[in-house]
C-alpha atoms as a PDB file:
ATOM      1  CA  MET A   1     -76.879 -71.108  23.894  1.00  0.00           C
ATOM      2  CA  SER A   2     -76.197 -67.480  23.159  1.00  0.00           C
ATOM      3  CA  GLY A   3     -72.487 -67.575  22.274  1.00  0.00           C
ATOM      4  CA  SER A   4     -70.317 -69.510  19.919  1.00  0.00           C
ATOM      5  CA  LEU A   5     -66.731 -70.705  19.774  1.00  0.00           C
ATOM      6  CA  ASN A   6     -64.352 -71.039  16.841  1.00  0.00           C
ATOM      7  CA  LYS A   7     -61.214 -72.743  18.145  1.00  0.00           C
ATOM      8  CA  VAL A   8     -58.923 -75.283  16.499  1.00  0.00           C
ATOM      9  CA  THR A   9     -56.238 -77.254  18.327  1.00  0.00           C
ATOM     10  CA  LEU A  10     -53.617 -79.229  16.393  1.00  0.00           C
ATOM     11  CA  ILE A  11     -50.515 -81.217  17.245  1.00  0.00           C
ATOM     12  CA  GLY A  12     -48.560 -82.153  14.159  1.00  0.00           C
ATOM     13  CA  ASN A  13     -45.451 -81.760  12.048  1.00  0.00           C
ATOM     14  CA  VAL A  14     -44.643 -78.904   9.675  1.00  0.00           C
ATOM     15  CA  GLY A  15     -44.627 -80.041   6.021  1.00  0.00           C
ATOM     16  CA  LYS A  16     -42.157 -77.465   4.659  1.00  0.00           C
ATOM     17  CA  ASP A  17     -40.324 -74.380   5.874  1.00  0.00           C
ATOM     18  CA  PRO A  18     -42.737 -71.488   6.548  1.00  0.00           C
ATOM     19  CA  GLU A  19     -43.142 -68.898   3.821  1.00  0.00           C
ATOM     20  CA  ILE A  20     -42.814 -65.378   5.246  1.00  0.00           C
ATOM     21  CA  ARG A  21     -44.290 -62.557   3.150  1.00  0.00           C
ATOM     22  CA  ALA A  22     -44.754 -58.834   3.637  1.00  0.00           C
ATOM     23  CA  MET A  23     -48.306 -57.518   3.299  1.00  0.00           C
ATOM     24  CA  GLN A  24     -49.236 -54.154   1.794  1.00  0.00           C
ATOM     25  CA  ASN A  25     -49.581 -52.621   5.267  1.00  0.00           C
ATOM     26  CA  GLY A  26     -45.936 -53.490   6.044  1.00  0.00           C
ATOM     27  CA  ARG A  27     -46.682 -56.319   8.467  1.00  0.00           C
ATOM     28  CA  SER A  28     -45.525 -59.880   7.871  1.00  0.00           C
ATOM     29  CA  VAL A  29     -47.515 -63.081   7.509  1.00  0.00           C
ATOM     30  CA  ALA A  30     -46.316 -66.688   7.786  1.00  0.00           C
ATOM     31  CA  ASN A  31     -47.852 -69.587   5.828  1.00  0.00           C
ATOM     32  CA  PHE A  32     -47.105 -73.270   6.300  1.00  0.00           C
ATOM     33  CA  SER A  33     -48.845 -76.625   6.424  1.00  0.00           C
ATOM     34  CA  VAL A  34     -49.101 -79.059   9.318  1.00  0.00           C
ATOM     35  CA  ALA A  35     -49.642 -82.801   8.984  1.00  0.00           C
ATOM     36  CA  THR A  36     -51.618 -84.736  11.578  1.00  0.00           C
ATOM     37  CA  THR A  37     -51.455 -88.514  11.313  1.00  0.00           C
ATOM     38  CA  GLU A  38     -53.905 -91.044  12.671  1.00  0.00           C
ATOM     39  CA  SER A  39     -52.767 -94.662  12.879  1.00  0.00           C
ATOM     40  CA  TRP A  40     -54.631 -97.854  13.669  1.00  0.00           C
ATOM     41  CA  LYS A  41     -54.443-101.604  13.217  1.00  0.00           C
ATOM     42  CA  ASP A  42     -56.781-103.047  10.578  1.00  0.00           C
ATOM     43  CA  LYS A  43     -59.046-105.593  12.289  1.00  0.00           C
ATOM     44  CA  MET A  44     -59.399-107.760   9.173  1.00  0.00           C
ATOM     45  CA  THR A  45     -55.772-107.968   8.033  1.00  0.00           C
ATOM     46  CA  GLY A  46     -53.875-107.013  11.187  1.00  0.00           C
ATOM     47  CA  GLU A  47     -51.890-104.462   9.169  1.00  0.00           C
ATOM     48  CA  LYS A  48     -50.931-101.092  10.564  1.00  0.00           C
ATOM     49  CA  ARG A  49     -52.792 -98.313   8.710  1.00  0.00           C
ATOM     50  CA  GLU A  50     -52.221 -94.582   8.653  1.00  0.00           C
ATOM     51  CA  LYS A  51     -54.148 -91.571   7.447  1.00  0.00           C
ATOM     52  CA  THR A  52     -52.498 -88.162   7.169  1.00  0.00           C
ATOM     53  CA  GLU A  53     -54.497 -84.955   7.071  1.00  0.00           C
ATOM     54  CA  TRP A  54     -52.900 -81.677   5.910  1.00  0.00           C
ATOM     55  CA  HIS A  55     -53.874 -78.330   7.433  1.00  0.00           C
ATOM     56  CA  ASN A  56     -53.012 -74.881   6.060  1.00  0.00           C
ATOM     57  CA  VAL A  57     -51.861 -72.484   8.792  1.00  0.00           C
ATOM     58  CA  VAL A  58     -51.667 -68.692   8.432  1.00  0.00           C
ATOM     59  CA  VAL A  59     -49.985 -66.619  11.150  1.00  0.00           C
ATOM     60  CA  PHE A  60     -50.752 -62.886  11.386  1.00  0.00           C
ATOM     61  CA  ALA A  61     -49.697 -62.319  15.028  1.00  0.00           C
ATOM     62  CA  GLU A  62     -46.494 -60.295  14.696  1.00  0.00           C
ATOM     63  CA  GLY A  63     -44.524 -62.041  17.447  1.00  0.00           C
ATOM     64  CA  LEU A  64     -45.554 -65.497  16.253  1.00  0.00           C
ATOM     65  CA  VAL A  65     -44.482 -64.645  12.692  1.00  0.00           C
ATOM     66  CA  ARG A  66     -40.982 -63.953  14.055  1.00  0.00           C
ATOM     67  CA  VAL A  67     -41.044 -67.273  15.921  1.00  0.00           C
ATOM     68  CA  CYS A  68     -42.015 -69.055  12.696  1.00  0.00           C
ATOM     69  CA  GLN A  69     -39.255 -67.273  10.819  1.00  0.00           C
ATOM     70  CA  ASN A  70     -36.552 -68.100  13.380  1.00  0.00           C
ATOM     71  CA  TYR A  71     -37.508 -71.497  14.824  1.00  0.00           C
ATOM     72  CA  VAL A  72     -40.106 -73.347  12.739  1.00  0.00           C
ATOM     73  CA  LYS A  73     -38.668 -75.580  10.021  1.00  0.00           C
ATOM     74  CA  LYS A  74     -39.812 -78.580   8.012  1.00  0.00           C
ATOM     75  CA  GLY A  75     -40.438 -81.462  10.414  1.00  0.00           C
ATOM     76  CA  THR A  76     -40.899 -79.312  13.539  1.00  0.00           C
ATOM     77  CA  LYS A  77     -43.555 -80.719  15.879  1.00  0.00           C
ATOM     78  CA  LEU A  78     -45.990 -77.971  16.891  1.00  0.00           C
ATOM     79  CA  TYR A  79     -48.942 -77.441  19.188  1.00  0.00           C
ATOM     80  CA  ILE A  80     -51.216 -74.835  17.596  1.00  0.00           C
ATOM     81  CA  GLU A  81     -54.397 -73.106  18.753  1.00  0.00           C
ATOM     82  CA  GLY A  82     -56.165 -70.788  16.352  1.00  0.00           C
ATOM     83  CA  GLN A  83     -59.423 -70.144  14.531  1.00  0.00           C
ATOM     84  CA  LEU A  84     -60.859 -71.865  11.489  1.00  0.00           C
ATOM     85  CA  GLN A  85     -61.506 -69.474   8.594  1.00  0.00           C
ATOM     86  CA  THR A  86     -62.700 -70.113   5.065  1.00  0.00           C
ATOM     87  CA  ARG A  87     -61.691 -67.602   2.446  1.00  0.00           C
ATOM     88  CA  LYS A  88     -63.219 -67.151  -1.012  1.00  0.00           C
ATOM     89  CA  TRP A  89     -61.003 -66.335  -4.009  1.00  0.00           C
ATOM     90  CA  GLN A  90     -61.101 -66.624  -7.804  1.00  0.00           C
ATOM     91  CA  ASP A  91     -58.772 -68.764  -9.892  1.00  0.00           C
ATOM     92  CA  GLN A  92     -57.277 -67.745 -13.255  1.00  0.00           C
ATOM     93  CA  GLU A  93     -60.436 -68.848 -15.061  1.00  0.00           C
ATOM     94  CA  GLY A  94     -62.640 -66.657 -12.854  1.00  0.00           C
ATOM     95  CA  LYS A  95     -64.177 -69.588 -10.928  1.00  0.00           C
ATOM     96  CA  ASP A  96     -64.880 -69.153  -7.236  1.00  0.00           C
ATOM     97  CA  ARG A  97     -62.607 -71.234  -5.012  1.00  0.00           C
ATOM     98  CA  TYR A  98     -62.579 -71.701  -1.254  1.00  0.00           C
ATOM     99  CA  THR A  99     -59.667 -72.325   1.091  1.00  0.00           C
ATOM    100  CA  THR A 100     -60.057 -73.298   4.750  1.00  0.00           C
ATOM    101  CA  GLU A 101     -57.175 -72.340   7.043  1.00  0.00           C
ATOM    102  CA  ILE A 102     -56.219 -72.285  10.700  1.00  0.00           C
ATOM    103  CA  VAL A 103     -55.519 -68.616  11.457  1.00  0.00           C
ATOM    104  CA  LEU A 104     -53.359 -67.376  14.332  1.00  0.00           C
ATOM    105  CA  GLN A 105     -53.980 -63.697  15.018  1.00  0.00           C
ATOM    106  CA  ASN A 106     -54.599 -61.259  17.848  1.00  0.00           C
ATOM    107  CA  TYR A 107     -54.425 -62.422  21.465  1.00  0.00           C
ATOM    108  CA  ASN A 108     -56.187 -65.765  21.245  1.00  0.00           C
ATOM    109  CA  SER A 109     -53.577 -67.840  19.422  1.00  0.00           C
ATOM    110  CA  THR A 110     -50.933 -70.256  20.644  1.00  0.00           C
ATOM    111  CA  LEU A 111     -47.875 -71.753  18.969  1.00  0.00           C
ATOM    112  CA  ILE A 112     -45.702 -74.128  21.014  1.00  0.00           C
ATOM    113  CA  LEU A 113     -42.588 -75.862  19.696  1.00  0.00           C
ATOM    114  CA  LEU A 114     -42.767 -79.422  21.022  1.00  0.00           C
ATOM    115  CA  ASP A 115     -39.294 -80.597  20.071  1.00  0.00           C
ATOM    116  CA  SER A 116     -35.799 -79.145  20.165  1.00  0.00           C
ATOM    117  CA  ARG A 117     -34.632 -80.347  16.740  1.00  0.00           C
ATOM    118  CA  ASN A 118     -35.083 -76.846  15.371  1.00  0.00           C
ATOM    119  CA  GLY A 119     -32.130 -74.957  14.009  1.00  0.00           C
ATOM    120  CA  GLY A 120     -31.207 -72.044  16.215  1.00  0.00           C
ATOM    121  CA  MET A 121     -32.083 -73.816  19.445  1.00  0.00           C
ATOM    122  CA  ASN A 122     -29.070 -74.387  21.645  1.00  0.00           C
ATOM    123  CA  ASP A 123     -28.092 -77.654  23.313  1.00  0.00           C
ATOM    124  CA  ASN A 124     -29.427 -76.408  26.643  1.00  0.00           C
ATOM    125  CA  SER A 125     -32.982 -76.334  25.315  1.00  0.00           C
ATOM    126  CA  ARG A 126     -35.435 -78.592  27.069  1.00  0.00           C
ATOM    127  CA  SER A 127     -37.023 -81.245  24.921  1.00  0.00           C
ATOM    128  CA  ASP A 128     -40.458 -80.832  26.488  1.00  0.00           C
ATOM    129  CA  GLY A 129     -41.321 -77.761  24.437  1.00  0.00           C
ATOM    130  CA  PHE A 130     -41.050 -74.006  24.292  1.00  0.00           C
ATOM    131  CA  GLY A 131     -44.248 -72.000  24.513  1.00  0.00           C
ATOM    132  CA  PHE A 132     -44.892 -68.972  22.373  1.00  0.00           C
ATOM    133  CA  ASN A 133     -48.289 -67.603  23.107  1.00  0.00           C
ATOM    134  CA  THR A 134     -50.309 -64.469  22.449  1.00  0.00           C
ATOM    135  CA  GLN A 135     -52.762 -64.850  25.330  1.00  0.00           C
ATOM    136  CA  ASN A 136     -52.738 -62.351  28.207  1.00  0.00           C
ATOM    137  CA  THR A 137     -49.570 -60.559  27.136  1.00  0.00           C
ATOM    138  CA  LEU A 138     -50.881 -57.128  26.218  1.00  0.00           C
ATOM    139  CA  GLY A 139     -48.132 -54.559  25.906  1.00  0.00           C
ATOM    140  CA  GLN A 140     -45.328 -57.123  25.621  1.00  0.00           C
ATOM    141  CA  ASP A 141     -43.587 -58.849  22.772  1.00  0.00           C
ATOM    142  CA  SER A 142     -45.974 -61.755  23.139  1.00  0.00           C
ATOM    143  CA  ALA A 143     -43.915 -64.290  21.226  1.00  0.00           C
ATOM    144  CA  TYR A 144     -41.006 -64.047  23.612  1.00  0.00           C
ATOM    145  CA  ALA A 145     -42.954 -63.455  26.826  1.00  0.00           C
ATOM    146  CA  ALA A 146     -43.533 -67.167  27.337  1.00  0.00           C
ATOM    147  CA  ALA A 147     -40.157 -68.351  26.029  1.00  0.00           C
ATOM    148  CA  GLY A 148     -38.927 -69.203  29.520  1.00  0.00           C
ATOM    149  CA  THR A 149     -41.783 -71.571  30.226  1.00  0.00           C
ATOM    150  CA  ALA A 150     -41.199 -75.163  29.395  1.00  0.00           C
ATOM    151  CA  ALA A 151     -44.303 -77.277  29.844  1.00  0.00           C
ATOM    152  CA  LEU A 152     -47.300 -77.475  27.532  1.00  0.00           C
ATOM    153  CA  GLY A 153     -49.639 -76.453  30.332  1.00  0.00           C
ATOM    154  CA  ALA A 154     -47.436 -73.482  31.142  1.00  0.00           C
ATOM    155  CA  GLY A 155     -46.813 -70.634  28.765  1.00  0.00           C
ATOM    156  CA  GLN A 156     -50.310 -69.252  28.877  1.00  0.00           C
ATOM    157  CA  GLY A 157     -48.854 -65.766  28.785  1.00  0.00           C
ATOM    158  CA  ASP A 158     -47.055 -65.739  32.111  1.00  0.00           C
ATOM    159  CA  SER A 159     -43.292 -65.683  32.080  1.00  0.00           C
ATOM    160  CA  GLN A 160     -42.887 -67.232  35.529  1.00  0.00           C
ATOM    161  CA  PRO A 161     -40.956 -70.519  35.644  1.00  0.00           C
ATOM    162  CA  VAL A 162     -42.913 -73.646  36.476  1.00  0.00           C
ATOM    163  CA  PRO A 163     -42.258 -74.535  40.141  1.00  0.00           C
ATOM    164  CA  SER A 164     -40.644 -77.874  40.758  1.00  0.00           C
ATOM    165  CA  PHE A 165     -42.313 -80.604  42.771  1.00  0.00           C
ATOM    166  CA  ALA A 166     -39.592 -80.328  45.429  1.00  0.00           C
ATOM    167  CA  THR A 167     -40.352 -76.666  46.132  1.00  0.00           C
ATOM    168  CA  GLU A 168     -44.060 -77.423  46.355  1.00  0.00           C
ATOM    169  CA  LEU A 169     -43.326 -79.866  49.210  1.00  0.00           C
ATOM    170  CA  ASP A 170     -41.055 -77.443  51.066  1.00  0.00           C
ATOM    171  CA  ASP A 171     -43.349 -76.158  53.763  1.00  0.00           C
ATOM    172  CA  ASP A 172     -43.162 -75.788  57.525  1.00  0.00           C
ATOM    173  CA  ILE A 173     -45.681 -78.428  58.566  1.00  0.00           C
ATOM    174  CA  PRO A 174     -44.171 -80.321  61.512  1.00  0.00           C
ATOM    175  CA  PHE A 175     -44.753 -84.084  61.565  1.00  0.00           C
END
């Protein structure tokens, strides 16, 4: 195999409100954590068990930073696609430390709000999710280009509404 792929997909809940900071180059970055929870029934005791994993998320894509700032809050359920990156840094004692993060940058990242509990969303918002995506939206404000799409499978950069099942059946086949 000649190529490689670095892609992370998560569905989980935000642990605390995103932290938005300005970088030295004037652009903004959003940092937050997402919890994914696995649950199962213990075969020996019959008890319900859970294991929660925490993931650090860093958003560099300008449009997605604005989405985080305006719509993402503690408890928001998100669908995220990004890349896994490990960064090396030194603590106060000079020891090397490593942090692994899911990074959303450029045109290969996706952030979809899966619930409408978020502040700022109006009562007309559909509960099946709002897609904010940076794929295939060159030259547009990519965060808002997919705002009209509603389904998880939609919102891959096109701003066309998802056709309903009824319009798909409306054809001129006589029988």
